[in-house]
């Protein structure tokens, strides 16, 4: 009779612990490099651009001035001609930026607002007729060392995210 010798196959506890440590180190490096805030920053910039477009659309639809006003370092509102806040898509009249995201220094918007007349032409103040936007306005959103710019073109009010 021939005797067969079976070798134990499997993992030792040391091998299992080493695998768990390696997986833990890899997951930490992936988590650190995860672009979560950059993605949030881009989404927030798109939301702001859409709200600017909505403000322009309200102006053209209703034939009166509406304006988007930056109220603080991380909030904004849409106001009608009489200064009453308009409810936004989320049901609030004030939009608060996501945690860790703030407005940077505005370019060509000295009054922290962009207003549109009934023809959709952008203005930099609430006067009547007011001061038309004469150069591209930029609203930077800043978070974790990254910046996304929302730009508004003079004459047309075309709004893009860069």
Foldseek 3Di string as FASTA:
>chain_A
DDDDDDDDDDDDPVVVVVVVVVVVVVVVVCVVPDCVVVVLQVVLLVVVLVVLVVQLVVQQVVQAKKKWADPDFFKIFIAGLVGHTDQDPVRDRMDGRDPQKTKDDKDQQVRRMWMAGNVSFIANDSDVVHHGRDAKIWIWIDGPHDIKIWIAGGPRRDIDID
